[in-house]
């Protein structure tokens, strides 16, 4: 029984992570021209809630793959809804590491949540 507790404790210590959270007013998809979206009086259609997530992974701290930037997460959220922008956006960025002393495997993810809108 003692060895099971020790293994559980070591397992919890082997995975370490942190998260930061923020909020924004509006983020447009990468193919949109944000100045034209805001400069003219356009009608806007509310498409409802949308969320997206983008991750970047690292193996042995030298082999990266993926893209965790906020624009990638926004584009994924808007692709699902067909919207042009997110309003009332909340963002979070997380970093997790497995066996962080040796950098065996780690990943960082950016998540966005907001209301998708379509400019008409």
C-alpha atoms as a PDB file:
ATOM      1  CA  UNK A   1       0.000   0.000   0.000  1.00  0.00           C
ATOM      2  CA  UNK A   2       2.879   2.338   0.779  1.00  0.00           C
ATOM      3  CA  UNK A   3       4.378   1.801  -2.667  1.00  0.00           C
ATOM      4  CA  UNK A   4       1.062   2.711  -4.322  1.00  0.00           C
ATOM      5  CA  UNK A   5       0.954   6.000  -2.395  1.00  0.00           C
ATOM      6  CA  UNK A   6       4.576   6.718  -3.291  1.00  0.00           C
ATOM      7  CA  UNK A   7       3.905   6.052  -6.991  1.00  0.00           C
ATOM      8  CA  UNK A   8       0.861   8.349  -6.885  1.00  0.00           C
ATOM      9  CA  UNK A   9       2.895  11.130  -5.274  1.00  0.00           C
ATOM     10  CA  UNK A  10       5.684  10.755  -7.830  1.00  0.00           C
ATOM     11  CA  UNK A  11       3.116  10.802 -10.651  1.00  0.00           C
ATOM     12  CA  UNK A  12       1.661  14.085  -9.397  1.00  0.00           C
ATOM     13  CA  UNK A  13       5.119  15.622  -9.105  1.00  0.00           C
ATOM     14  CA  UNK A  14       6.047  14.538 -12.640  1.00  0.00           C
ATOM     15  CA  UNK A  15       3.331  16.693 -14.250  1.00  0.00           C
ATOM     16  CA  UNK A  16       3.578  20.428 -13.693  1.00  0.00           C
ATOM     17  CA  UNK A  17       1.532  23.170 -15.319  1.00  0.00           C
ATOM     18  CA  UNK A  18       0.467  26.794 -15.165  1.00  0.00           C
ATOM     19  CA  UNK A  19      -2.255  28.924 -16.766  1.00  0.00           C
ATOM     20  CA  UNK A  20      -2.704  32.630 -17.502  1.00  0.00           C
ATOM     21  CA  UNK A  21      -6.073  34.206 -18.330  1.00  0.00           C
ATOM     22  CA  UNK A  22      -7.085  37.469 -20.040  1.00  0.00           C
ATOM     23  CA  UNK A  23      -9.948  39.143 -21.884  1.00  0.00           C
ATOM     24  CA  UNK A  24     -10.323  41.167 -25.088  1.00  0.00           C
ATOM     25  CA  UNK A  25     -13.102  43.148 -26.746  1.00  0.00           C
ATOM     26  CA  UNK A  26     -12.869  41.868 -30.339  1.00  0.00           C
ATOM     27  CA  UNK A  27     -10.603  39.631 -32.438  1.00  0.00           C
ATOM     28  CA  UNK A  28     -11.106  39.170 -36.187  1.00  0.00           C
ATOM     29  CA  UNK A  29     -10.156  36.146 -38.263  1.00  0.00           C
ATOM     30  CA  UNK A  30      -6.787  36.324 -39.994  1.00  0.00           C
ATOM     31  CA  UNK A  31      -8.242  36.797 -43.488  1.00  0.00           C
ATOM     32  CA  UNK A  32     -10.456  39.746 -42.436  1.00  0.00           C
ATOM     33  CA  UNK A  33      -9.515  43.414 -42.687  1.00  0.00           C
ATOM     34  CA  UNK A  34     -10.241  44.698 -39.162  1.00  0.00           C
ATOM     35  CA  UNK A  35     -10.124  48.365 -40.172  1.00  0.00           C
ATOM     36  CA  UNK A  36     -12.871  47.918 -42.767  1.00  0.00           C
ATOM     37  CA  UNK A  37     -14.923  45.893 -40.280  1.00  0.00           C
ATOM     38  CA  UNK A  38     -14.893  48.774 -37.803  1.00  0.00           C
ATOM     39  CA  UNK A  39     -14.728  51.840 -40.075  1.00  0.00           C
ATOM     40  CA  UNK A  40     -18.109  51.563 -41.776  1.00  0.00           C
ATOM     41  CA  UNK A  41     -21.566  51.069 -40.347  1.00  0.00           C
ATOM     42  CA  UNK A  42     -22.179  47.369 -40.912  1.00  0.00           C
ATOM     43  CA  UNK A  43     -24.960  45.246 -39.531  1.00  0.00           C
ATOM     44  CA  UNK A  44     -23.735  42.370 -37.411  1.00  0.00           C
ATOM     45  CA  UNK A  45     -25.346  38.985 -36.968  1.00  0.00           C
ATOM     46  CA  UNK A  46     -24.834  37.178 -33.651  1.00  0.00           C
ATOM     47  CA  UNK A  47     -23.883  33.536 -34.330  1.00  0.00           C
ATOM     48  CA  UNK A  48     -23.728  32.483 -30.692  1.00  0.00           C
ATOM     49  CA  UNK A  49     -20.922  31.128 -28.525  1.00  0.00           C
ATOM     50  CA  UNK A  50     -17.718  29.867 -30.122  1.00  0.00           C
ATOM     51  CA  UNK A  51     -14.489  28.461 -28.818  1.00  0.00           C
ATOM     52  CA  UNK A  52     -11.217  27.287 -30.290  1.00  0.00           C
ATOM     53  CA  UNK A  53      -7.960  25.808 -29.089  1.00  0.00           C
ATOM     54  CA  UNK A  54      -4.466  25.702 -30.570  1.00  0.00           C
ATOM     55  CA  UNK A  55      -1.546  23.705 -29.127  1.00  0.00           C
ATOM     56  CA  UNK A  56       2.208  23.426 -29.623  1.00  0.00           C
ATOM     57  CA  UNK A  57       4.096  20.349 -28.432  1.00  0.00           C
ATOM     58  CA  UNK A  58       7.747  19.804 -27.553  1.00  0.00           C
ATOM     59  CA  UNK A  59       9.563  16.468 -27.349  1.00  0.00           C
ATOM     60  CA  UNK A  60      12.891  16.451 -25.530  1.00  0.00           C
ATOM     61  CA  UNK A  61      12.735  20.290 -25.552  1.00  0.00           C
ATOM     62  CA  UNK A  62      14.141  20.429 -29.105  1.00  0.00           C
ATOM     63  CA  UNK A  63      11.499  18.890 -31.391  1.00  0.00           C
ATOM     64  CA  UNK A  64       8.516  21.270 -31.687  1.00  0.00           C
ATOM     65  CA  UNK A  65       5.328  20.799 -33.699  1.00  0.00           C
ATOM     66  CA  UNK A  66       2.005  22.586 -33.818  1.00  0.00           C
ATOM     67  CA  UNK A  67       1.025  26.239 -33.518  1.00  0.00           C
ATOM     68  CA  UNK A  68      -0.332  27.687 -30.270  1.00  0.00           C
ATOM     69  CA  UNK A  69      -0.748  31.345 -31.184  1.00  0.00           C
ATOM     70  CA  UNK A  70      -3.999  33.147 -30.425  1.00  0.00           C
ATOM     71  CA  UNK A  71      -4.800  33.819 -34.088  1.00  0.00           C
ATOM     72  CA  UNK A  72      -4.784  30.081 -34.829  1.00  0.00           C
ATOM     73  CA  UNK A  73      -7.217  29.468 -31.943  1.00  0.00           C
ATOM     74  CA  UNK A  74      -9.491  32.301 -33.157  1.00  0.00           C
ATOM     75  CA  UNK A  75      -9.433  30.990 -36.738  1.00  0.00           C
ATOM     76  CA  UNK A  76     -10.435  27.521 -35.488  1.00  0.00           C
ATOM     77  CA  UNK A  77     -13.308  28.958 -33.443  1.00  0.00           C
ATOM     78  CA  UNK A  78     -14.589  31.047 -36.352  1.00  0.00           C
ATOM     79  CA  UNK A  79     -14.201  28.239 -38.883  1.00  0.00           C
ATOM     80  CA  UNK A  80     -16.719  26.170 -36.894  1.00  0.00           C
ATOM     81  CA  UNK A  81     -19.311  28.970 -36.871  1.00  0.00           C
ATOM     82  CA  UNK A  82     -18.611  30.756 -40.157  1.00  0.00           C
ATOM     83  CA  UNK A  83     -18.130  34.054 -38.318  1.00  0.00           C
ATOM     84  CA  UNK A  84     -15.853  36.983 -39.087  1.00  0.00           C
ATOM     85  CA  UNK A  85     -14.897  37.984 -35.545  1.00  0.00           C
ATOM     86  CA  UNK A  86     -15.202  37.096 -31.870  1.00  0.00           C
ATOM     87  CA  UNK A  87     -16.486  39.654 -29.376  1.00  0.00           C
ATOM     88  CA  UNK A  88     -16.312  39.588 -25.576  1.00  0.00           C
ATOM     89  CA  UNK A  89     -13.379  37.221 -25.836  1.00  0.00           C
ATOM     90  CA  UNK A  90     -11.734  35.421 -22.945  1.00  0.00           C
ATOM     91  CA  UNK A  91      -8.359  33.796 -23.481  1.00  0.00           C
ATOM     92  CA  UNK A  92      -6.235  31.372 -21.549  1.00  0.00           C
ATOM     93  CA  UNK A  93      -2.762  30.037 -22.179  1.00  0.00           C
ATOM     94  CA  UNK A  94      -1.556  26.920 -20.406  1.00  0.00           C
ATOM     95  CA  UNK A  95       1.839  25.271 -20.209  1.00  0.00           C
ATOM     96  CA  UNK A  96       2.231  21.672 -19.086  1.00  0.00           C
ATOM     97  CA  UNK A  97       5.318  19.555 -18.699  1.00  0.00           C
ATOM     98  CA  UNK A  98       5.770  15.855 -18.070  1.00  0.00           C
ATOM     99  CA  UNK A  99       8.971  15.097 -16.151  1.00  0.00           C
ATOM    100  CA  UNK A 100       9.901  18.822 -16.422  1.00  0.00           C
ATOM    101  CA  UNK A 101      13.398  18.349 -14.996  1.00  0.00           C
ATOM    102  CA  UNK A 102      14.380  16.399 -18.108  1.00  0.00           C
ATOM    103  CA  UNK A 103      11.984  18.130 -20.560  1.00  0.00           C
ATOM    104  CA  UNK A 104      10.785  14.773 -21.867  1.00  0.00           C
ATOM    105  CA  UNK A 105       7.490  16.156 -23.160  1.00  0.00           C
ATOM    106  CA  UNK A 106       5.749  19.498 -22.742  1.00  0.00           C
ATOM    107  CA  UNK A 107       2.997  21.408 -24.482  1.00  0.00           C
ATOM    108  CA  UNK A 108       1.379  24.811 -24.437  1.00  0.00           C
ATOM    109  CA  UNK A 109      -2.197  25.533 -25.496  1.00  0.00           C
ATOM    110  CA  UNK A 110      -4.090  28.756 -26.147  1.00  0.00           C
ATOM    111  CA  UNK A 111      -7.883  28.681 -25.782  1.00  0.00           C
ATOM    112  CA  UNK A 112     -10.373  31.379 -26.774  1.00  0.00           C
ATOM    113  CA  UNK A 113     -14.070  31.687 -25.964  1.00  0.00           C
ATOM    114  CA  UNK A 114     -16.444  34.371 -27.089  1.00  0.00           C
ATOM    115  CA  UNK A 115     -19.446  35.263 -29.195  1.00  0.00           C
ATOM    116  CA  UNK A 116     -19.028  34.755 -32.925  1.00  0.00           C
ATOM    117  CA  UNK A 117     -20.377  37.508 -35.168  1.00  0.00           C
ATOM    118  CA  UNK A 118     -20.831  37.775 -38.937  1.00  0.00           C
ATOM    119  CA  UNK A 119     -20.473  41.200 -40.553  1.00  0.00           C
ATOM    120  CA  UNK A 120     -23.090  41.675 -43.268  1.00  0.00           C
END
